[in-house]
């Protein structure tokens, strides 16, 4: 159980909270009145924190490619299946990042690579635009025949700021007979 704040602690916290400005579109938290000394004695019920704000609904769009199979994800993370190539999308705008990503994925697939790394960065507060949009871009109809799945990268490969992309096998040309 948490202990109640002492009046000096509450006064100090109020000074710090007064210097904070909310993000656009967010309401600021109302300053709580200083607790009385009877609150420290347990005579008043403790102050309750407001419930967390509801999650913002995602805009409608394609659901993204499925996640990598656990065994394949583990093999890539442990570097038993090599990453064929990587691309870093830091510093690119949305349109430039999408074009670079699509070209990169198609080129890697044509080269016969099976897994690649896409570094998007985490963005501010862990909610970067590129990080959020990359799975949607990979779900585009012209990439569905190429992308087998995606998953968050292991910490040594970038963690939350990077994605593993598994690519499907490229079909053999009609003139080459399949292996027995």
Protein backbone atom coordinates (compact mmCIF):
# COMPACT_ATOMS: atom_id res chain seq x y z
CA UNK A 1 0.00 0.00 0.00
CA UNK A 2 1.28 3.46 -0.86
CA UNK A 3 1.81 5.98 1.88
CA UNK A 4 0.09 9.36 1.61
CA UNK A 5 2.19 12.38 0.64
CA UNK A 6 3.39 14.72 3.35
CA UNK A 7 2.34 18.37 2.95
CA UNK A 8 5.91 19.38 1.99
CA UNK A 9 6.06 16.65 -0.68
CA UNK A 10 2.69 17.70 -2.04
CA UNK A 11 3.77 21.36 -2.19
CA UNK A 12 6.96 20.42 -4.04
CA UNK A 13 5.05 18.23 -6.51
CA UNK A 14 2.56 21.06 -7.15
CA UNK A 15 5.46 23.36 -8.07
CA UNK A 16 6.84 20.80 -10.53
CA UNK A 17 3.42 20.05 -12.02
CA UNK A 18 2.79 23.77 -12.57
CA UNK A 19 5.73 23.90 -15.01
CA UNK A 20 4.30 21.15 -17.25
CA UNK A 21 2.23 22.03 -20.29
CA UNK A 22 -0.11 19.36 -21.78
CA UNK A 23 0.22 18.21 -25.36
CA UNK A 24 -2.19 19.77 -27.85
CA UNK A 25 -5.60 18.14 -27.55
CA UNK A 26 -4.98 16.83 -24.04
CA UNK A 27 -6.56 18.27 -20.93
CA UNK A 28 -4.31 19.15 -18.04
CA UNK A 29 -4.79 17.34 -14.77
CA UNK A 30 -6.48 19.44 -12.13
CA UNK A 31 -4.26 20.25 -9.19
CA UNK A 32 -5.20 18.20 -6.15
CA UNK A 33 -5.76 20.09 -2.90
CA UNK A 34 -3.10 19.71 -0.26
CA UNK A 35 -3.94 16.80 2.02
CA UNK A 36 -4.83 17.64 5.56
CA UNK A 37 -2.98 16.23 8.52
CA UNK A 38 -5.97 13.98 9.27
CA UNK A 39 -5.33 12.21 5.93
CA UNK A 40 -2.00 11.05 7.31
CA UNK A 41 -3.78 9.54 10.26
CA UNK A 42 -6.00 7.47 7.96
CA UNK A 43 -9.22 9.33 8.85
CA UNK A 44 -10.03 10.36 5.28
CA UNK A 45 -10.29 7.98 2.34
CA UNK A 46 -7.23 8.09 0.08
CA UNK A 47 -7.42 10.15 -3.10
CA UNK A 48 -8.10 8.04 -6.16
CA UNK A 49 -6.25 8.53 -9.37
CA UNK A 50 -8.42 9.11 -12.44
CA UNK A 51 -8.76 6.18 -14.83
CA UNK A 52 -6.33 6.17 -17.75
CA UNK A 53 -7.63 7.80 -20.93
CA UNK A 54 -9.23 5.48 -23.46
CA UNK A 55 -6.95 4.36 -26.24
CA UNK A 56 -7.33 6.35 -29.41
CA UNK A 57 -9.00 4.24 -32.07
CA UNK A 58 -6.80 3.30 -34.99
CA UNK A 59 -7.91 4.50 -38.31
CA UNK A 60 -9.41 1.83 -40.52
CA UNK A 61 -7.05 0.15 -42.89
CA UNK A 62 -5.54 -3.16 -43.78
CA UNK A 63 -4.71 -5.39 -40.81
CA UNK A 64 -1.02 -5.95 -41.55
CA UNK A 65 0.76 -9.14 -42.43
CA UNK A 66 0.69 -11.98 -39.98
CA UNK A 67 3.38 -12.41 -37.37
CA UNK A 68 6.40 -14.61 -37.97
CA UNK A 69 6.23 -18.20 -36.83
CA UNK A 70 7.84 -18.52 -33.38
CA UNK A 71 10.51 -20.96 -34.55
CA UNK A 72 11.54 -18.77 -37.49
CA UNK A 73 11.55 -15.67 -35.28
CA UNK A 74 13.82 -17.41 -32.78
CA UNK A 75 16.18 -18.58 -35.53
CA UNK A 76 16.46 -15.05 -36.95
CA UNK A 77 16.93 -13.47 -33.52
CA UNK A 78 19.66 -15.96 -32.62
CA UNK A 79 21.26 -15.37 -36.03
CA UNK A 80 20.91 -18.98 -37.15
CA UNK A 81 18.98 -17.73 -40.19
CA UNK A 82 20.96 -14.77 -41.51
CA UNK A 83 19.44 -11.39 -42.20
CA UNK A 84 20.02 -10.87 -45.90
CA UNK A 85 19.92 -7.07 -45.84
CA UNK A 86 18.71 -4.11 -43.84
CA UNK A 87 17.32 -0.65 -44.49
CA UNK A 88 17.25 2.36 -42.17
CA UNK A 89 14.25 4.66 -42.62
CA UNK A 90 15.38 7.28 -40.07
CA UNK A 91 14.99 10.83 -41.29
CA UNK A 92 12.71 9.99 -44.23
CA UNK A 93 9.24 11.43 -44.70
CA UNK A 94 6.28 9.08 -44.99
CA UNK A 95 6.15 9.05 -48.79
CA UNK A 96 9.90 8.64 -49.21
CA UNK A 97 10.00 5.93 -46.51
CA UNK A 98 7.15 4.00 -48.14
CA UNK A 99 8.77 4.14 -51.58
CA UNK A 100 12.15 3.09 -50.17
CA UNK A 101 10.59 0.25 -48.17
CA UNK A 102 8.59 -1.15 -51.07
CA UNK A 103 11.55 -0.98 -53.44
CA UNK A 104 13.83 -2.59 -50.85
CA UNK A 105 11.42 -5.45 -50.10
CA UNK A 106 10.79 -6.22 -53.78
CA UNK A 107 14.50 -6.09 -54.62
CA UNK A 108 15.38 -8.41 -51.72
CA UNK A 109 12.67 -10.84 -52.77
CA UNK A 110 13.94 -10.83 -56.39
CA UNK A 111 17.44 -11.54 -55.05
CA UNK A 112 16.09 -14.59 -53.22
CA UNK A 113 16.61 -13.29 -49.68
CA UNK A 114 14.40 -14.85 -47.01
CA UNK A 115 14.59 -12.36 -44.13
CA UNK A 116 15.48 -8.70 -43.85
CA UNK A 117 15.64 -6.03 -41.16
CA UNK A 118 13.79 -2.71 -41.39
CA UNK A 119 14.88 -0.02 -38.93
CA UNK A 120 12.06 2.45 -38.34
CA UNK A 121 13.08 3.97 -35.02
CA UNK A 122 10.80 4.19 -32.01
CA UNK A 123 9.75 7.78 -32.47
CA UNK A 124 8.83 10.08 -29.62
CA UNK A 125 7.37 8.29 -26.61
CA UNK A 126 7.63 4.97 -28.47
CA UNK A 127 4.88 5.78 -30.98
CA UNK A 128 6.68 6.69 -34.18
CA UNK A 129 4.78 7.26 -37.38
CA UNK A 130 7.03 5.04 -39.49
CA UNK A 131 6.95 2.30 -36.86
CA UNK A 132 3.14 2.37 -36.84
CA UNK A 133 2.67 2.59 -40.62
CA UNK A 134 5.24 0.04 -41.80
CA UNK A 135 3.01 -3.02 -41.13
CA UNK A 136 0.16 -1.31 -43.00
CA UNK A 137 2.43 -0.58 -45.96
CA UNK A 138 3.60 -4.19 -46.03
CA UNK A 139 -0.03 -5.35 -46.15
CA UNK A 140 -0.56 -3.64 -49.52
CA UNK A 141 -1.99 -5.99 -52.17
CA UNK A 142 1.10 -5.83 -54.39
CA UNK A 143 3.32 -6.96 -51.45
CA UNK A 144 1.11 -9.78 -50.16
CA UNK A 145 2.73 -12.23 -52.57
CA UNK A 146 6.16 -11.25 -51.24
CA UNK A 147 5.85 -10.74 -47.45
CA UNK A 148 5.36 -13.87 -45.34
CA UNK A 149 5.26 -12.11 -41.97
CA UNK A 150 6.71 -9.45 -39.71
CA UNK A 151 7.73 -9.27 -36.06
CA UNK A 152 9.48 -6.88 -33.73
CA UNK A 153 13.24 -7.33 -33.79
CA UNK A 154 15.37 -8.67 -30.95
CA UNK A 155 17.09 -6.09 -28.78
CA UNK A 156 20.48 -6.65 -30.45
CA UNK A 157 18.93 -5.81 -33.83
CA UNK A 158 17.08 -2.68 -32.70
CA UNK A 159 14.28 -3.98 -30.50
CA UNK A 160 11.10 -1.92 -30.66
CA UNK A 161 12.63 0.37 -33.28
CA UNK A 162 13.14 -2.36 -35.88
CA UNK A 163 11.18 -5.11 -37.60
CA UNK A 164 12.10 -8.49 -39.00
CA UNK A 165 10.41 -9.13 -42.34
CA UNK A 166 10.20 -12.70 -43.60
CA UNK A 167 9.94 -12.99 -47.35
CA UNK A 168 8.23 -15.78 -49.25
CA UNK A 169 10.16 -18.06 -51.54
CA UNK A 170 10.42 -16.89 -55.09
CA UNK A 171 8.73 -19.29 -57.53
CA UNK A 172 11.02 -21.17 -59.87
CA UNK A 173 10.96 -20.21 -63.54
CA UNK A 174 8.93 -22.56 -65.72
CA UNK A 175 12.03 -23.73 -67.62
CA UNK A 176 13.81 -24.99 -64.48
CA UNK A 177 12.53 -28.37 -63.26
CA UNK A 178 11.92 -28.61 -59.49
CA UNK A 179 14.40 -30.53 -57.37
CA UNK A 180 13.49 -34.14 -56.57
